[in-house]
Amino acid sequence: MFKRRNNNSNAGDSESNDTDSITVYFEDRPIACRPTDSVAAAVLLVDPGYTRRTPVNNAPRAPYCMMGVCFECLMEIDGVENQQACMILVRDGMQIRRQDLMADLSDANAAKQDDGAKND
């Protein structure tokens, strides 16, 4: 889906040196990336298809704005859910997972039905 641009003007920069790569794990799959990459950018390198599902209708989503505004990049990072992947820099060994949470509306619907029965 995405690939790095070859920026020849930065040939002497340490950031453009591939020896500075680190490894993170997306769904247990290793990804070689740079320490200056955001989690979202690193995951997009391997074409994940989607990185989260919406809680109401389970629709697939992926990072969109890459600047912390849209919240489409929410992922589980190192066991913590609801992390904005576009705002977090990768760390070596980081564990990243899709956020596949479905809203459990059964308790809310039961409470609503109970309230309705009390009002009758």
PDB file of N, CA and C in Angstrom:
ATOM      1  N   MET A   1       0.820  -1.182   0.000  1.00  0.00           N
ATOM      2  CA  MET A   1       0.000   0.000   0.000  1.00  0.00           C
ATOM      3  C   MET A   1       0.868   1.251   0.000  1.00  0.00           C
ATOM      4  N   PHE A   2       1.779   1.367   0.933  1.00  0.00           N
ATOM      5  CA  PHE A   2       2.677   2.505   1.004  1.00  0.00           C
ATOM      6  C   PHE A   2       4.108   2.010   0.934  1.00  0.00           C
ATOM      7  N   LYS A   3       4.973   2.843   0.415  1.00  0.00           N
ATOM      8  CA  LYS A   3       6.399   2.528   0.468  1.00  0.00           C
ATOM      9  C   LYS A   3       7.150   3.825   0.688  1.00  0.00           C
ATOM     10  N   ARG A   4       8.355   3.712   1.166  1.00  0.00           N
ATOM     11  CA  ARG A   4       9.166   4.894   1.446  1.00  0.00           C
ATOM     12  C   ARG A   4       9.661   5.533   0.161  1.00  0.00           C
ATOM     13  N   ARG A   5       9.701   6.828   0.176  1.00  0.00           N
ATOM     14  CA  ARG A   5      10.335   7.563  -0.922  1.00  0.00           C
ATOM     15  C   ARG A   5      11.830   7.476  -0.762  1.00  0.00           C
ATOM     16  N   ASN A   6      12.525   7.367  -1.849  1.00  0.00           N
ATOM     17  CA  ASN A   6      13.976   7.410  -1.814  1.00  0.00           C
ATOM     18  C   ASN A   6      14.379   8.869  -1.889  1.00  0.00           C
ATOM     19  N   ASN A   7      14.790   9.416  -0.760  1.00  0.00           N
ATOM     20  CA  ASN A   7      15.124  10.827  -0.682  1.00  0.00           C
ATOM     21  C   ASN A   7      16.646  10.966  -0.732  1.00  0.00           C
ATOM     22  N   ASN A   8      17.185  11.154  -1.925  1.00  0.00           N
ATOM     23  CA  ASN A   8      18.629  11.216  -2.104  1.00  0.00           C
ATOM     24  C   ASN A   8      19.266  12.430  -1.442  1.00  0.00           C
ATOM     25  N   SER A   9      18.490  13.475  -1.193  1.00  0.00           N
ATOM     26  CA  SER A   9      19.074  14.671  -0.579  1.00  0.00           C
ATOM     27  C   SER A   9      19.471  14.417   0.873  1.00  0.00           C
ATOM     28  N   ASN A  10      18.929  13.370   1.485  1.00  0.00           N
ATOM     29  CA  ASN A  10      19.256  13.052   2.872  1.00  0.00           C
ATOM     30  C   ASN A  10      20.203  11.863   2.965  1.00  0.00           C
ATOM     31  N   ALA A  11      20.968  11.604   1.931  1.00  0.00           N
ATOM     32  CA  ALA A  11      21.816  10.411   1.895  1.00  0.00           C
ATOM     33  C   ALA A  11      22.803  10.367   3.049  1.00  0.00           C
ATOM     34  N   GLY A  12      23.210  11.514   3.566  1.00  0.00           N
ATOM     35  CA  GLY A  12      24.160  11.538   4.667  1.00  0.00           C
ATOM     36  C   GLY A  12      23.516  11.513   6.035  1.00  0.00           C
ATOM     37  N   ASP A  13      22.186  11.673   6.095  1.00  0.00           N
ATOM     38  CA  ASP A  13      21.496  11.690   7.382  1.00  0.00           C
ATOM     39  C   ASP A  13      21.428  10.302   7.988  1.00  0.00           C
ATOM     40  N   SER A  14      21.548  10.241   9.300  1.00  0.00           N
ATOM     41  CA  SER A  14      21.448   8.939   9.971  1.00  0.00           C
ATOM     42  C   SER A  14      20.030   8.396   9.888  1.00  0.00           C
ATOM     43  N   GLU A  15      19.013   9.284   9.773  1.00  0.00           N
ATOM     44  CA  GLU A  15      17.638   8.816   9.684  1.00  0.00           C
ATOM     45  C   GLU A  15      17.367   8.062   8.394  1.00  0.00           C
ATOM     46  N   SER A  16      18.138   8.322   7.348  1.00  0.00           N
ATOM     47  CA  SER A  16      17.912   7.637   6.085  1.00  0.00           C
ATOM     48  C   SER A  16      18.718   6.354   5.993  1.00  0.00           C
ATOM     49  N   ASN A  17      19.472   6.049   7.002  1.00  0.00           N
ATOM     50  CA  ASN A  17      20.317   4.865   7.016  1.00  0.00           C
ATOM     51  C   ASN A  17      19.491   3.668   7.477  1.00  0.00           C
ATOM     52  N   ASP A  18      19.406   2.623   6.648  1.00  0.00           N
ATOM     53  CA  ASP A  18      18.605   1.459   6.982  1.00  0.00           C
ATOM     54  C   ASP A  18      19.158   0.679   8.165  1.00  0.00           C
ATOM     55  N   THR A  19      20.406   0.925   8.566  1.00  0.00           N
ATOM     56  CA  THR A  19      20.948   0.216   9.720  1.00  0.00           C
ATOM     57  C   THR A  19      20.319   0.713  11.012  1.00  0.00           C
ATOM     58  N   ASP A  20      19.606   1.834  10.971  1.00  0.00           N
ATOM     59  CA  ASP A  20      18.927   2.359  12.147  1.00  0.00           C
ATOM     60  C   ASP A  20      17.529   1.771  12.309  1.00  0.00           C
ATOM     61  N   SER A  21      17.224   0.696  11.616  1.00  0.00           N
ATOM     62  CA  SER A  21      15.873   0.152  11.686  1.00  0.00           C
ATOM     63  C   SER A  21      15.655  -0.612  12.994  1.00  0.00           C
ATOM     64  N   ILE A  22      14.398  -0.631  13.390  1.00  0.00           N
ATOM     65  CA  ILE A  22      13.976  -1.399  14.555  1.00  0.00           C
ATOM     66  C   ILE A  22      12.859  -2.331  14.103  1.00  0.00           C
ATOM     67  N   THR A  23      12.479  -3.246  14.961  1.00  0.00           N
ATOM     68  CA  THR A  23      11.414  -4.184  14.616  1.00  0.00           C
ATOM     69  C   THR A  23      10.259  -4.031  15.586  1.00  0.00           C
ATOM     70  N   VAL A  24       9.062  -3.873  15.026  1.00  0.00           N
ATOM     71  CA  VAL A  24       7.825  -3.899  15.801  1.00  0.00           C
ATOM     72  C   VAL A  24       7.011  -5.071  15.279  1.00  0.00           C
ATOM     73  N   TYR A  25       5.972  -5.449  16.004  1.00  0.00           N
ATOM     74  CA  TYR A  25       5.177  -6.608  15.627  1.00  0.00           C
ATOM     75  C   TYR A  25       3.714  -6.215  15.495  1.00  0.00           C
ATOM     76  N   PHE A  26       3.172  -6.390  14.299  1.00  0.00           N
ATOM     77  CA  PHE A  26       1.765  -6.128  14.031  1.00  0.00           C
ATOM     78  C   PHE A  26       1.067  -7.469  13.870  1.00  0.00           C
ATOM     79  N   GLU A  27       0.169  -7.768  14.790  1.00  0.00           N
ATOM     80  CA  GLU A  27      -0.509  -9.069  14.782  1.00  0.00           C
ATOM     81  C   GLU A  27       0.521 -10.196  14.732  1.00  0.00           C
ATOM     82  N   ASP A  28       1.586 -10.057  15.496  1.00  0.00           N
ATOM     83  CA  ASP A  28       2.700 -11.017  15.605  1.00  0.00           C
ATOM     84  C   ASP A  28       3.563 -11.110  14.348  1.00  0.00           C
ATOM     85  N   ARG A  29       3.364 -10.228  13.402  1.00  0.00           N
ATOM     86  CA  ARG A  29       4.152 -10.190  12.165  1.00  0.00           C
ATOM     87  C   ARG A  29       5.209  -9.097  12.296  1.00  0.00           C
ATOM     88  N   PRO A  30       6.499  -9.423  12.100  1.00  0.00           N
ATOM     89  CA  PRO A  30       7.534  -8.395  12.266  1.00  0.00           C
ATOM     90  C   PRO A  30       7.492  -7.337  11.154  1.00  0.00           C
ATOM     91  N   ILE A  31       7.739  -6.107  11.547  1.00  0.00           N
ATOM     92  CA  ILE A  31       7.832  -4.987  10.607  1.00  0.00           C
ATOM     93  C   ILE A  31       9.127  -4.252  10.905  1.00  0.00           C
ATOM     94  N   ALA A  32       9.985  -4.116   9.907  1.00  0.00           N
ATOM     95  CA  ALA A  32      11.203  -3.310  10.045  1.00  0.00           C
ATOM     96  C   ALA A  32      10.828  -1.865   9.736  1.00  0.00           C
ATOM     97  N   CYS A  33      11.135  -0.970  10.660  1.00  0.00           N
ATOM     98  CA  CYS A  33      10.798   0.439  10.470  1.00  0.00           C
ATOM     99  C   CYS A  33      11.866   1.306  11.113  1.00  0.00           C
ATOM    100  N   ARG A  34      11.705   2.599  10.978  1.00  0.00           N
ATOM    101  CA  ARG A  34      12.654   3.553  11.549  1.00  0.00           C
ATOM    102  C   ARG A  34      12.166   4.035  12.913  1.00  0.00           C
ATOM    103  N   PRO A  35      13.062   4.374  13.795  1.00  0.00           N
ATOM    104  CA  PRO A  35      12.647   4.868  15.116  1.00  0.00           C
ATOM    105  C   PRO A  35      11.837   6.163  15.051  1.00  0.00           C
ATOM    106  N   THR A  36      11.882   6.854  13.943  1.00  0.00           N
ATOM    107  CA  THR A  36      11.138   8.111  13.791  1.00  0.00           C
ATOM    108  C   THR A  36       9.750   7.900  13.185  1.00  0.00           C
ATOM    109  N   ASP A  37       9.378   6.654  12.886  1.00  0.00           N
ATOM    110  CA  ASP A  37       8.059   6.361  12.321  1.00  0.00           C
ATOM    111  C   ASP A  37       6.994   6.366  13.404  1.00  0.00           C
ATOM    112  N   SER A  38       5.802   6.794  13.036  1.00  0.00           N
ATOM    113  CA  SER A  38       4.664   6.607  13.936  1.00  0.00           C
ATOM    114  C   SER A  38       4.207   5.154  13.807  1.00  0.00           C
ATOM    115  N   VAL A  39       3.461   4.694  14.768  1.00  0.00           N
ATOM    116  CA  VAL A  39       2.938   3.328  14.710  1.00  0.00           C
ATOM    117  C   VAL A  39       2.077   3.166  13.458  1.00  0.00           C
ATOM    118  N   ALA A  40       1.231   4.135  13.165  1.00  0.00           N
ATOM    119  CA  ALA A  40       0.362   4.051  11.989  1.00  0.00           C
ATOM    120  C   ALA A  40       1.182   3.954  10.700  1.00  0.00           C
ATOM    121  N   ALA A  41       2.222   4.765  10.580  1.00  0.00           N
ATOM    122  CA  ALA A  41       3.064   4.733   9.373  1.00  0.00           C
ATOM    123  C   ALA A  41       3.750   3.379   9.223  1.00  0.00           C
ATOM    124  N   ALA A  42       4.226   2.819  10.321  1.00  0.00           N
ATOM    125  CA  ALA A  42       4.892   1.517  10.267  1.00  0.00           C
ATOM    126  C   ALA A  42       3.919   0.430   9.838  1.00  0.00           C
ATOM    127  N   VAL A  43       2.715   0.449  10.374  1.00  0.00           N
ATOM    128  CA  VAL A  43       1.723  -0.571  10.023  1.00  0.00           C
ATOM    129  C   VAL A  43       1.283  -0.435   8.569  1.00  0.00           C
ATOM    130  N   LEU A  44       1.159   0.784   8.089  1.00  0.00           N
ATOM    131  CA  LEU A  44       0.750   0.975   6.694  1.00  0.00           C
ATOM    132  C   LEU A  44       1.779   0.435   5.698  1.00  0.00           C
ATOM    133  N   LEU A  45       3.023   0.273   6.131  1.00  0.00           N
ATOM    134  CA  LEU A  45       4.052  -0.289   5.253  1.00  0.00           C
ATOM    135  C   LEU A  45       3.743  -1.727   4.831  1.00  0.00           C
ATOM    136  N   VAL A  46       2.965  -2.444   5.651  1.00  0.00           N
ATOM    137  CA  VAL A  46       2.673  -3.852   5.348  1.00  0.00           C
ATOM    138  C   VAL A  46       1.254  -4.066   4.829  1.00  0.00           C
ATOM    139  N   ASP A  47       0.567  -3.007   4.449  1.00  0.00           N
ATOM    140  CA  ASP A  47      -0.784  -3.091   3.882  1.00  0.00           C
ATOM    141  C   ASP A  47      -1.719  -3.948   4.734  1.00  0.00           C
ATOM    142  N   PRO A  48      -2.124  -3.438   5.902  1.00  0.00           N
ATOM    143  CA  PRO A  48      -2.930  -4.238   6.821  1.00  0.00           C
ATOM    144  C   PRO A  48      -4.378  -4.451   6.390  1.00  0.00           C
ATOM    145  N   GLY A  49      -4.841  -3.706   5.398  1.00  0.00           N
ATOM    146  CA  GLY A  49      -6.250  -3.780   5.017  1.00  0.00           C
ATOM    147  C   GLY A  49      -7.084  -2.878   5.916  1.00  0.00           C
ATOM    148  N   TYR A  50      -7.094  -3.178   7.189  1.00  0.00           N
ATOM    149  CA  TYR A  50      -7.759  -2.326   8.173  1.00  0.00           C
ATOM    150  C   TYR A  50      -6.993  -2.426   9.486  1.00  0.00           C
ATOM    151  N   THR A  51      -7.175  -1.433  10.348  1.00  0.00           N
ATOM    152  CA  THR A  51      -6.486  -1.446  11.644  1.00  0.00           C
ATOM    153  C   THR A  51      -7.449  -1.414  12.822  1.00  0.00           C
ATOM    154  N   ARG A  52      -8.702  -1.147  12.558  1.00  0.00           N
ATOM    155  CA  ARG A  52      -9.722  -1.174  13.608  1.00  0.00           C
ATOM    156  C   ARG A  52     -11.074  -1.407  12.966  1.00  0.00           C
ATOM    157  N   ARG A  53     -12.044  -1.730  13.779  1.00  0.00           N
ATOM    158  CA  ARG A  53     -13.435  -1.833  13.342  1.00  0.00           C
ATOM    159  C   ARG A  53     -14.274  -0.894  14.196  1.00  0.00           C
ATOM    160  N   THR A  54     -15.288  -0.312  13.583  1.00  0.00           N
ATOM    161  CA  THR A  54     -16.144   0.595  14.341  1.00  0.00           C
ATOM    162  C   THR A  54     -16.941  -0.198  15.367  1.00  0.00           C
ATOM    163  N   PRO A  55     -17.180   0.396  16.531  1.00  0.00           N
ATOM    164  CA  PRO A  55     -17.845  -0.357  17.597  1.00  0.00           C
ATOM    165  C   PRO A  55     -19.321  -0.641  17.352  1.00  0.00           C
ATOM    166  N   VAL A  56     -19.993   0.122  16.522  1.00  0.00           N
ATOM    167  CA  VAL A  56     -21.431  -0.071  16.338  1.00  0.00           C
ATOM    168  C   VAL A  56     -21.744  -1.066  15.219  1.00  0.00           C
ATOM    169  N   ASN A  57     -21.186  -0.832  14.020  1.00  0.00           N
ATOM    170  CA  ASN A  57     -21.542  -1.717  12.908  1.00  0.00           C
ATOM    171  C   ASN A  57     -20.385  -2.571  12.402  1.00  0.00           C
ATOM    172  N   ASN A  58     -19.257  -2.560  13.100  1.00  0.00           N
ATOM    173  CA  ASN A  58     -18.119  -3.433  12.786  1.00  0.00           C
ATOM    174  C   ASN A  58     -17.471  -3.122  11.429  1.00  0.00           C
ATOM    175  N   ALA A  59     -17.617  -1.891  10.937  1.00  0.00           N
ATOM    176  CA  ALA A  59     -17.035  -1.505   9.646  1.00  0.00           C
ATOM    177  C   ALA A  59     -15.513  -1.359   9.774  1.00  0.00           C
ATOM    178  N   PRO A  60     -14.755  -1.848   8.801  1.00  0.00           N
ATOM    179  CA  PRO A  60     -13.292  -1.728   8.865  1.00  0.00           C
ATOM    180  C   PRO A  60     -12.832  -0.297   8.618  1.00  0.00           C
ATOM    181  N   ARG A  61     -11.801   0.109   9.319  1.00  0.00           N
ATOM    182  CA  ARG A  61     -11.209   1.443   9.180  1.00  0.00           C
ATOM    183  C   ARG A  61      -9.696   1.332   9.181  1.00  0.00           C
ATOM    184  N   ALA A  62      -9.024   2.376   8.693  1.00  0.00           N
ATOM    185  CA  ALA A  62      -7.562   2.447   8.674  1.00  0.00           C
ATOM    186  C   ALA A  62      -7.153   3.895   8.911  1.00  0.00           C
ATOM    187  N   PRO A  63      -5.890   4.142   9.255  1.00  0.00           N
ATOM    188  CA  PRO A  63      -5.436   5.517   9.469  1.00  0.00           C
ATOM    189  C   PRO A  63      -5.765   6.401   8.270  1.00  0.00           C
ATOM    190  N   TYR A  64      -6.185   7.618   8.570  1.00  0.00           N
ATOM    191  CA  TYR A  64      -6.623   8.530   7.511  1.00  0.00           C
ATOM    192  C   TYR A  64      -5.861   9.849   7.535  1.00  0.00           C
ATOM    193  N   CYS A  65      -6.016  10.635   8.587  1.00  0.00           N
ATOM    194  CA  CYS A  65      -5.445  11.984   8.578  1.00  0.00           C
ATOM    195  C   CYS A  65      -3.973  12.018   8.992  1.00  0.00           C
ATOM    196  N   MET A  66      -3.534  11.056   9.776  1.00  0.00           N
ATOM    197  CA  MET A  66      -2.147  10.947  10.245  1.00  0.00           C
ATOM    198  C   MET A  66      -1.696  12.148  11.076  1.00  0.00           C
ATOM    199  N   MET A  67      -2.656  12.867  11.704  1.00  0.00           N
ATOM    200  CA  MET A  67      -2.277  13.997  12.550  1.00  0.00           C
ATOM    201  C   MET A  67      -3.132  14.095  13.810  1.00  0.00           C
ATOM    202  N   GLY A  68      -3.806  13.016  14.178  1.00  0.00           N
ATOM    203  CA  GLY A  68      -4.508  12.964  15.447  1.00  0.00           C
ATOM    204  C   GLY A  68      -5.881  13.592  15.491  1.00  0.00           C
ATOM    205  N   VAL A  69      -6.491  13.851  14.341  1.00  0.00           N
ATOM    206  CA  VAL A  69      -7.782  14.520  14.320  1.00  0.00           C
ATOM    207  C   VAL A  69      -8.948  13.542  14.150  1.00  0.00           C
ATOM    208  N   CYS A  70      -8.807  12.561  13.274  1.00  0.00           N
ATOM    209  CA  CYS A  70      -9.955  11.734  12.877  1.00  0.00           C
ATOM    210  C   CYS A  70     -10.202  10.508  13.757  1.00  0.00           C
ATOM    211  N   PHE A  71      -9.233  10.033  14.497  1.00  0.00           N
ATOM    212  CA  PHE A  71      -9.335   8.866  15.375  1.00  0.00           C
ATOM    213  C   PHE A  71      -9.596   7.556  14.620  1.00  0.00           C
ATOM    214  N   GLU A  72      -9.334   7.523  13.327  1.00  0.00           N
ATOM    215  CA  GLU A  72      -9.486   6.285  12.565  1.00  0.00           C
ATOM    216  C   GLU A  72      -8.323   5.329  12.805  1.00  0.00           C
ATOM    217  N   CYS A  73      -7.259   5.795  13.432  1.00  0.00           N
ATOM    218  CA  CYS A  73      -6.053   4.986  13.634  1.00  0.00           C
ATOM    219  C   CYS A  73      -6.018   4.287  14.987  1.00  0.00           C
ATOM    220  N   LEU A  74      -7.116   4.271  15.716  1.00  0.00           N
ATOM    221  CA  LEU A  74      -7.106   3.658  17.043  1.00  0.00           C
ATOM    222  C   LEU A  74      -6.696   2.193  16.955  1.00  0.00           C
ATOM    223  N   MET A  75      -5.714   1.810  17.785  1.00  0.00           N
ATOM    224  CA  MET A  75      -5.203   0.446  17.793  1.00  0.00           C
ATOM    225  C   MET A  75      -4.842   0.057  19.217  1.00  0.00           C
ATOM    226  N   GLU A  76      -4.593  -1.228  19.410  1.00  0.00           N
ATOM    227  CA  GLU A  76      -4.074  -1.723  20.679  1.00  0.00           C
ATOM    228  C   GLU A  76      -2.557  -1.746  20.568  1.00  0.00           C
ATOM    229  N   ILE A  77      -1.889  -0.999  21.442  1.00  0.00           N
ATOM    230  CA  ILE A  77      -0.435  -0.900  21.413  1.00  0.00           C
ATOM    231  C   ILE A  77       0.104  -1.343  22.769  1.00  0.00           C
ATOM    232  N   ASP A  78       0.932  -2.371  22.742  1.00  0.00           N
ATOM    233  CA  ASP A  78       1.490  -2.955  23.968  1.00  0.00           C
ATOM    234  C   ASP A  78       0.414  -3.247  25.000  1.00  0.00           C
ATOM    235  N   GLY A  79      -0.705  -3.806  24.529  1.00  0.00           N
ATOM    236  CA  GLY A  79      -1.785  -4.230  25.419  1.00  0.00           C
ATOM    237  C   GLY A  79      -2.748  -3.152  25.849  1.00  0.00           C
ATOM    238  N   VAL A  80      -2.536  -1.910  25.419  1.00  0.00           N
ATOM    239  CA  VAL A  80      -3.413  -0.798  25.797  1.00  0.00           C
ATOM    240  C   VAL A  80      -4.286  -0.437  24.599  1.00  0.00           C
ATOM    241  N   GLU A  81      -5.600  -0.536  24.766  1.00  0.00           N
ATOM    242  CA  GLU A  81      -6.540  -0.245  23.678  1.00  0.00           C
ATOM    243  C   GLU A  81      -6.733   1.254  23.496  1.00  0.00           C
ATOM    244  N   ASN A  82      -7.360   1.615  22.374  1.00  0.00           N
ATOM    245  CA  ASN A  82      -7.747   2.994  22.070  1.00  0.00           C
ATOM    246  C   ASN A  82      -6.580   3.962  21.997  1.00  0.00           C
ATOM    247  N   GLN A  83      -5.458   3.520  21.455  1.00  0.00           N
ATOM    248  CA  GLN A  83      -4.288   4.384  21.290  1.00  0.00           C
ATOM    249  C   GLN A  83      -4.291   4.979  19.888  1.00  0.00           C
ATOM    250  N   GLN A  84      -4.051   6.270  19.779  1.00  0.00           N
ATOM    251  CA  GLN A  84      -3.950   6.914  18.468  1.00  0.00           C
ATOM    252  C   GLN A  84      -2.595   6.571  17.865  1.00  0.00           C
ATOM    253  N   ALA A  85      -2.596   5.629  16.942  1.00  0.00           N
ATOM    254  CA  ALA A  85      -1.355   5.105  16.376  1.00  0.00           C
ATOM    255  C   ALA A  85      -0.580   6.150  15.584  1.00  0.00           C
ATOM    256  N   CYS A  86      -1.246   7.156  15.068  1.00  0.00           N
ATOM    257  CA  CYS A  86      -0.537   8.179  14.288  1.00  0.00           C
ATOM    258  C   CYS A  86       0.244   9.146  15.180  1.00  0.00           C
ATOM    259  N   MET A  87      -0.045   9.138  16.477  1.00  0.00           N
ATOM    260  CA  MET A  87       0.591  10.081  17.394  1.00  0.00           C
ATOM    261  C   MET A  87       1.673   9.439  18.265  1.00  0.00           C
ATOM    262  N   ILE A  88       1.900   8.147  18.095  1.00  0.00           N
ATOM    263  CA  ILE A  88       2.848   7.418  18.941  1.00  0.00           C
ATOM    264  C   ILE A  88       4.002   6.912  18.092  1.00  0.00           C
ATOM    265  N   LEU A  89       5.226   7.202  18.520  1.00  0.00           N
ATOM    266  CA  LEU A  89       6.404   6.705  17.806  1.00  0.00           C
ATOM    267  C   LEU A  89       6.657   5.245  18.161  1.00  0.00           C
ATOM    268  N   VAL A  90       7.158   4.502  17.185  1.00  0.00           N
ATOM    269  CA  VAL A  90       7.469   3.090  17.411  1.00  0.00           C
ATOM    270  C   VAL A  90       8.630   2.946  18.391  1.00  0.00           C
ATOM    271  N   ARG A  91       8.646   1.810  19.082  1.00  0.00           N
ATOM    272  CA  ARG A  91       9.749   1.412  19.943  1.00  0.00           C
ATOM    273  C   ARG A  91      10.100  -0.021  19.587  1.00  0.00           C
ATOM    274  N   ASP A  92      11.347  -0.369  19.694  1.00  0.00           N
ATOM    275  CA  ASP A  92      11.784  -1.711  19.343  1.00  0.00           C
ATOM    276  C   ASP A  92      11.023  -2.753  20.171  1.00  0.00           C
ATOM    277  N   GLY A  93      10.472  -3.754  19.500  1.00  0.00           N
ATOM    278  CA  GLY A  93       9.747  -4.823  20.168  1.00  0.00           C
ATOM    279  C   GLY A  93       8.286  -4.529  20.456  1.00  0.00           C
ATOM    280  N   MET A  94       7.803  -3.358  20.058  1.00  0.00           N
ATOM    281  CA  MET A  94       6.426  -2.965  20.325  1.00  0.00           C
ATOM    282  C   MET A  94       5.446  -3.980  19.734  1.00  0.00           C
ATOM    283  N   GLN A  95       4.401  -4.297  20.484  1.00  0.00           N
ATOM    284  CA  GLN A  95       3.350  -5.215  20.038  1.00  0.00           C
ATOM    285  C   GLN A  95       2.123  -4.396  19.652  1.00  0.00           C
ATOM    286  N   ILE A  96       1.698  -4.549  18.407  1.00  0.00           N
ATOM    287  CA  ILE A  96       0.602  -3.749  17.872  1.00  0.00           C
ATOM    288  C   ILE A  96      -0.483  -4.699  17.373  1.00  0.00           C
ATOM    289  N   ARG A  97      -1.729  -4.385  17.697  1.00  0.00           N
ATOM    290  CA  ARG A  97      -2.847  -5.222  17.256  1.00  0.00           C
ATOM    291  C   ARG A  97      -3.979  -4.351  16.731  1.00  0.00           C
ATOM    292  N   ARG A  98      -4.756  -4.948  15.821  1.00  0.00           N
ATOM    293  CA  ARG A  98      -5.978  -4.292  15.361  1.00  0.00           C
ATOM    294  C   ARG A  98      -6.907  -4.129  16.563  1.00  0.00           C
ATOM    295  N   GLN A  99      -7.726  -3.118  16.484  1.00  0.00           N
ATOM    296  CA  GLN A  99      -8.728  -2.932  17.522  1.00  0.00           C
ATOM    297  C   GLN A  99     -10.046  -3.440  16.977  1.00  0.00           C
ATOM    298  N   ASP A 100     -10.394  -4.657  17.351  1.00  0.00           N
ATOM    299  CA  ASP A 100     -11.615  -5.305  16.870  1.00  0.00           C
ATOM    300  C   ASP A 100     -12.657  -5.371  17.975  1.00  0.00           C
ATOM    301  N   LEU A 101     -12.998  -4.240  18.530  1.00  0.00           N
ATOM    302  CA  LEU A 101     -13.965  -4.200  19.623  1.00  0.00           C
ATOM    303  C   LEU A 101     -15.362  -3.948  19.087  1.00  0.00           C
ATOM    304  N   MET A 102     -16.297  -4.717  19.550  1.00  0.00           N
ATOM    305  CA  MET A 102     -17.702  -4.462  19.242  1.00  0.00           C
ATOM    306  C   MET A 102     -18.357  -3.940  20.515  1.00  0.00           C
ATOM    307  N   ALA A 103     -19.180  -2.950  20.365  1.00  0.00           N
ATOM    308  CA  ALA A 103     -19.884  -2.409  21.521  1.00  0.00           C
ATOM    309  C   ALA A 103     -20.855  -3.453  22.056  1.00  0.00           C
ATOM    310  N   ASP A 104     -20.846  -3.664  23.359  1.00  0.00           N
ATOM    311  CA  ASP A 104     -21.782  -4.581  23.978  1.00  0.00           C
ATOM    312  C   ASP A 104     -22.985  -3.762  24.425  1.00  0.00           C
ATOM    313  N   LEU A 105     -24.008  -3.776  23.606  1.00  0.00           N
ATOM    314  CA  LEU A 105     -25.186  -2.973  23.891  1.00  0.00           C
ATOM    315  C   LEU A 105     -26.244  -3.762  24.651  1.00  0.00           C
ATOM    316  N   SER A 106     -25.964  -5.015  24.972  1.00  0.00           N
ATOM    317  CA  SER A 106     -26.963  -5.837  25.647  1.00  0.00           C
ATOM    318  C   SER A 106     -27.314  -5.269  27.019  1.00  0.00           C
ATOM    319  N   ASP A 107     -26.333  -4.784  27.773  1.00  0.00           N
ATOM    320  CA  ASP A 107     -26.604  -4.197  29.083  1.00  0.00           C
ATOM    321  C   ASP A 107     -27.408  -2.908  28.949  1.00  0.00           C
ATOM    322  N   ALA A 108     -27.062  -2.099  27.956  1.00  0.00           N
ATOM    323  CA  ALA A 108     -27.779  -0.844  27.739  1.00  0.00           C
ATOM    324  C   ALA A 108     -29.218  -1.121  27.314  1.00  0.00           C
ATOM    325  N   ASN A 109     -29.421  -2.109  26.436  1.00  0.00           N
ATOM    326  CA  ASN A 109     -30.770  -2.445  25.995  1.00  0.00           C
ATOM    327  C   ASN A 109     -31.593  -3.032  27.134  1.00  0.00           C
ATOM    328  N   ALA A 110     -30.970  -3.857  27.986  1.00  0.00           N
ATOM    329  CA  ALA A 110     -31.672  -4.438  29.133  1.00  0.00           C
ATOM    330  C   ALA A 110     -32.104  -3.340  30.101  1.00  0.00           C
ATOM    331  N   ALA A 111     -31.212  -2.386  30.355  1.00  0.00           N
ATOM    332  CA  ALA A 111     -31.539  -1.278  31.260  1.00  0.00           C
ATOM    333  C   ALA A 111     -32.675  -0.440  30.682  1.00  0.00           C
ATOM    334  N   LYS A 112     -32.649  -0.232  29.376  1.00  0.00           N
ATOM    335  CA  LYS A 112     -33.689   0.557  28.720  1.00  0.00           C
ATOM    336  C   LYS A 112     -35.032  -0.164  28.818  1.00  0.00           C
ATOM    337  N   GLN A 113     -35.028  -1.488  28.637  1.00  0.00           N
ATOM    338  CA  GLN A 113     -36.258  -2.264  28.735  1.00  0.00           C
ATOM    339  C   GLN A 113     -36.777  -2.257  30.166  1.00  0.00           C
ATOM    340  N   ASP A 114     -35.870  -2.350  31.146  1.00  0.00           N
ATOM    341  CA  ASP A 114     -36.273  -2.302  32.551  1.00  0.00           C
ATOM    342  C   ASP A 114     -36.901  -0.961  32.888  1.00  0.00           C
ATOM    343  N   ASP A 115     -36.340   0.137  32.384  1.00  0.00           N
ATOM    344  CA  ASP A 115     -36.891   1.465  32.613  1.00  0.00           C
ATOM    345  C   ASP A 115     -38.285   1.575  31.993  1.00  0.00           C
ATOM    346  N   GLY A 116     -38.436   0.996  30.815  1.00  0.00           N
ATOM    347  CA  GLY A 116     -39.741   1.017  30.131  1.00  0.00           C
ATOM    348  C   GLY A 116     -40.783   0.235  30.903  1.00  0.00           C
ATOM    349  N   ALA A 117     -40.381  -0.896  31.486  1.00  0.00           N
ATOM    350  CA  ALA A 117     -41.328  -1.715  32.257  1.00  0.00           C
ATOM    351  C   ALA A 117     -41.736  -0.999  33.533  1.00  0.00           C
ATOM    352  N   LYS A 118     -40.829  -0.233  34.151  1.00  0.00           N
ATOM    353  CA  LYS A 118     -41.154   0.496  35.381  1.00  0.00           C
ATOM    354  C   LYS A 118     -42.141   1.636  35.104  1.00  0.00           C
ATOM    355  N   ASN A 119     -42.060   2.211  33.903  1.00  0.00           N
ATOM    356  CA  ASN A 119     -42.912   3.340  33.566  1.00  0.00           C
ATOM    357  C   ASN A 119     -44.306   2.900  33.142  1.00  0.00           C
ATOM    358  N   ASP A 120     -44.496   1.598  32.890  1.00  0.00           N
ATOM    359  CA  ASP A 120     -45.817   1.113  32.448  1.00  0.00           C
ATOM    360  C   ASP A 120     -46.789   0.979  33.572  1.00  0.00           C
TER     361      ASP A 120
END
